[in-house]
Protein backbone atom coordinates (compact mmCIF):
# COMPACT_ATOMS: atom_id res chain seq x y z
CA MET A 1 106.87 99.74 63.93
CA THR A 2 103.83 99.78 65.83
CA ALA A 3 103.95 102.15 68.88
CA GLN A 4 103.51 100.59 72.37
CA ARG A 5 100.27 100.92 73.57
CA GLN A 6 100.06 103.39 76.73
CA GLY A 7 98.41 101.72 79.69
CA LYS A 8 95.26 103.50 81.22
CA LEU A 9 94.95 104.73 84.85
CA VAL A 10 91.52 103.32 86.47
CA VAL A 11 90.56 104.61 89.88
CA VAL A 12 87.91 102.60 92.02
CA SER A 13 86.46 104.11 95.25
CA ALA A 14 83.71 103.34 97.37
CA PRO A 15 82.40 103.47 100.95
CA SER A 16 83.82 101.10 103.28
CA GLY A 17 81.92 97.67 102.78
CA THR A 18 80.64 98.37 99.22
CA GLY A 19 83.06 95.65 97.65
CA LYS A 20 85.71 97.65 95.71
CA SER A 21 88.48 95.20 96.77
CA THR A 22 86.39 92.13 95.63
CA VAL A 23 85.81 93.83 92.21
CA CYS A 24 89.15 94.94 91.72
CA ASP A 25 90.81 91.70 92.68
CA ALA A 26 88.81 89.96 90.16
CA LEU A 27 89.65 92.17 87.54
CA ARG A 28 93.39 92.00 88.19
CA LYS A 29 92.97 87.99 88.41
CA ARG A 30 90.88 87.75 84.91
CA ASN A 31 92.83 90.27 82.99
CA ALA A 32 96.60 89.90 82.19
CA ASP A 33 96.58 93.54 80.74
CA ILE A 34 96.02 94.92 84.09
CA GLY A 35 99.36 95.83 85.97
CA VAL A 36 99.57 95.46 89.88
CA SER A 37 100.81 98.63 91.48
CA VAL A 38 101.85 97.38 95.06
CA SER A 39 101.03 100.29 97.40
CA HIS A 40 103.05 101.33 100.57
CA THR A 41 101.62 101.34 103.84
CA THR A 42 102.44 102.14 107.52
CA ARG A 43 99.78 99.58 108.85
CA PRO A 44 101.00 96.16 109.91
CA PRO A 45 100.16 93.08 107.95
CA ARG A 46 96.74 91.63 108.28
CA GLY A 47 96.51 87.55 108.16
CA THR A 48 98.34 86.04 105.62
CA GLU A 49 99.65 89.36 103.67
CA ARG A 50 102.94 89.32 102.62
CA ASP A 51 105.67 92.54 102.26
CA GLY A 52 105.83 93.16 98.31
CA VAL A 53 102.85 91.35 97.52
CA GLU A 54 99.76 92.94 98.69
CA TYR A 55 101.56 95.95 100.13
CA TYR A 56 105.18 96.87 100.97
CA PHE A 57 105.01 97.42 104.61
CA VAL A 58 107.09 100.40 106.01
CA SER A 59 107.69 102.58 108.84
CA GLU A 60 106.06 106.08 109.26
CA GLN A 61 109.67 107.52 108.69
CA PHE A 62 110.34 105.63 105.62
CA PHE A 63 107.03 106.65 104.31
CA GLU A 64 107.53 110.44 105.44
CA ARG A 65 110.95 110.27 103.48
CA MET A 66 109.04 109.22 100.34
CA VAL A 67 106.56 112.03 100.86
CA ALA A 68 109.18 114.69 101.37
CA ALA A 69 110.93 113.32 98.00
CA GLY A 70 107.75 113.59 96.01
CA GLU A 71 107.91 109.97 95.21
CA PHE A 72 104.00 109.30 95.59
CA LEU A 73 101.42 109.58 92.69
CA GLU A 74 98.90 109.69 95.75
CA TRP A 75 98.86 108.84 99.32
CA ALA A 76 96.54 109.28 102.03
CA ASN A 77 96.07 109.08 105.68
CA VAL A 78 93.00 106.32 106.43
CA PHE A 79 92.00 105.56 110.10
CA GLY A 80 95.54 106.58 111.29
CA LYS A 81 97.59 104.57 108.99
CA ARG A 82 99.21 106.02 105.73
CA TYR A 83 98.88 104.33 102.36
CA GLY A 84 100.79 105.58 99.36
CA SER A 85 101.31 104.83 95.46
CA SER A 86 104.78 104.75 93.95
CA ARG A 87 105.35 107.19 90.82
CA ALA A 88 107.88 105.22 89.50
CA GLU A 89 106.18 101.42 89.82
CA VAL A 90 103.03 103.33 88.13
CA GLU A 91 104.66 105.01 85.18
CA ARG A 92 106.72 101.40 84.66
CA LEU A 93 103.51 99.56 84.20
CA LEU A 94 101.79 102.19 82.21
CA SER A 95 104.85 102.42 79.68
CA ALA A 96 105.00 98.80 79.58
CA GLY A 97 101.23 98.88 78.29
CA LYS A 98 99.68 97.63 81.38
CA ASP A 99 96.44 99.36 82.59
CA VAL A 100 96.84 100.28 86.04
CA LEU A 101 93.76 99.74 88.49
CA PHE A 102 93.51 101.63 92.13
CA ASP A 103 91.56 100.44 94.74
CA ILE A 104 91.81 103.67 96.83
CA ASP A 105 89.95 106.23 98.85
CA VAL A 106 88.58 109.37 97.45
CA GLN A 107 91.56 111.39 98.89
CA GLY A 108 93.84 109.44 96.46
CA GLY A 109 91.05 109.72 93.73
CA ARG A 110 91.48 113.37 93.74
CA GLN A 111 95.20 113.30 93.69
CA ILE A 112 95.60 110.94 90.92
CA LYS A 113 93.03 113.04 88.78
CA SER A 114 94.85 116.20 89.50
CA ALA A 115 98.00 114.78 88.68
CA ARG A 116 96.82 112.73 85.83
CA PRO A 117 93.62 114.06 84.26
CA ASP A 118 93.04 111.26 81.93
CA ALA A 119 92.60 108.89 84.73
CA LEU A 120 89.05 107.45 84.72
CA LEU A 121 87.34 107.66 88.18
CA VAL A 122 84.66 104.99 89.01
CA PHE A 123 82.74 105.29 92.15
CA LEU A 124 81.12 101.99 93.24
CA LEU A 125 77.84 102.66 95.43
CA PRO A 126 75.90 99.99 97.29
CA PRO A 127 72.13 99.74 96.19
CA SER A 128 70.74 101.05 99.22
CA PHE A 129 71.70 102.48 102.75
CA GLU A 130 70.47 99.33 104.44
CA GLU A 131 72.47 97.13 102.30
CA LEU A 132 75.65 99.52 103.41
CA ARG A 133 75.08 98.88 107.14
CA ARG A 134 74.40 95.26 106.50
CA ARG A 135 77.66 94.72 104.69
CA LEU A 136 79.50 96.66 107.36
CA ARG A 137 78.06 94.61 110.11
CA GLY A 138 78.53 91.48 108.19
CA ARG A 139 82.20 91.60 108.24
CA GLY A 140 82.14 90.85 111.87
CA THR A 141 85.56 92.58 112.56
CA GLU A 142 84.32 96.13 113.54
CA SER A 143 82.81 97.29 116.87
CA GLU A 144 79.55 99.53 116.92
CA GLU A 145 81.64 102.36 117.57
CA GLN A 146 83.85 101.76 114.36
CA ILE A 147 81.03 101.12 112.38
CA ARG A 148 79.70 104.27 113.56
CA ILE A 149 82.72 106.12 112.51
CA ARG A 150 82.93 104.25 109.02
CA LEU A 151 79.01 105.59 108.08
CA GLN A 152 80.37 109.17 109.48
CA THR A 153 83.44 108.70 106.81
CA ALA A 154 81.10 107.36 104.10
CA ALA A 155 79.21 110.57 103.77
CA GLU A 156 82.31 112.28 102.92
CA GLU A 157 83.19 109.68 100.68
CA LEU A 158 79.81 109.66 99.07
CA ARG A 159 79.80 113.64 98.44
CA ALA A 160 83.23 113.03 96.75
CA GLY A 161 81.38 110.74 94.41
CA ARG A 162 79.56 113.42 92.76
CA ASP A 163 83.10 114.25 91.18
CA TYR A 164 83.73 110.98 89.74
CA ASP A 165 83.15 110.16 86.07
CA PHE A 166 81.42 107.04 86.44
CA HIS A 167 79.09 105.30 89.13
CA VAL A 168 78.57 101.58 89.41
CA VAL A 169 75.97 100.13 91.54
CA ASN A 170 77.29 96.66 93.27
CA ASP A 171 74.08 94.93 93.57
CA ASP A 172 75.06 91.97 91.48
CA LEU A 173 79.02 91.23 91.80
CA GLU A 174 79.58 89.98 88.33
CA ARG A 175 77.62 92.88 86.66
CA ALA A 176 79.59 95.28 88.76
CA ILE A 177 82.94 93.57 87.75
CA ALA A 178 81.58 93.81 84.11
CA ASP A 179 80.89 97.30 84.48
CA VAL A 180 84.06 98.42 85.87
CA ASP A 181 85.97 96.49 83.10
CA ARG A 182 83.68 98.02 80.35
CA VAL A 183 84.99 101.56 81.71
CA ARG A 184 88.67 100.44 81.44
CA ARG A 185 88.13 99.00 77.91
CA GLY A 186 86.43 102.44 76.59
CA LEU A 187 83.11 100.70 76.21
CA PRO A 188 79.72 102.58 76.89
CA LEU A 189 77.61 101.70 80.04
CA GLY A 190 73.86 101.29 79.83
CA ARG A 191 73.83 104.00 82.72
CA PRO A 192 77.16 105.74 83.41
CA ARG A 193 76.04 107.63 86.46
CA HIS A 194 73.63 106.97 89.50
CA ASP A 195 73.18 110.68 90.74
CA GLU A 196 69.60 110.15 92.13
CA LEU A 197 71.02 106.81 94.15
CA LEU A 198 74.18 108.93 95.28
CA GLU A 199 72.02 111.78 96.75
CA GLU A 200 69.60 109.70 98.31
CA LEU A 201 72.67 107.68 100.05
CA ILE A 202 74.30 110.98 101.10
CA VAL A 203 70.86 112.06 102.62
CA ARG A 204 70.73 108.51 104.57
CA VAL A 205 74.31 108.30 105.69
CA SER A 206 74.57 112.19 106.95
CA GLY A 207 71.29 111.66 108.78
């Protein structure tokens, strides 16, 4: 009897406005072998979001009980709200042969790599500092003060990108989707890292 394939853990992180949610959503929709790990969060639902679909929306007290019980593979505080991924749900998907694609911040990426050294960490980069600022403003949902705070946060996120296994530049959405999928499938990238661009972005955002 052939042994059941064990799924892979793939983490995608990026500064806000770089498109990691768009890339990850596209990969999940196009690949039946990617399992969806629904995270818990203490933030309220937005728009048409549904409990148990996009997130499990829980109270601070419920979330804290899960933290105390060690039930999260990773969890983080992001802009005053907490997000976490259940160990049990992730392990269930991996054991079923499903790859699990995480769309999370660098705090969560570090926790997952610590708990699961076999995890593949992909950092999504904007093609330039100007493009990052343009994308943040283009959302139309953040004030100038919020954009300034997000750019400050981006400096820390970009520095953490130095420790990621792969860098993918999102200057073309379809190419970025294909590159992240190649990492997931264990296929080589034409250029697995973009350290020069990363360092340039760190300098510009930090300035």
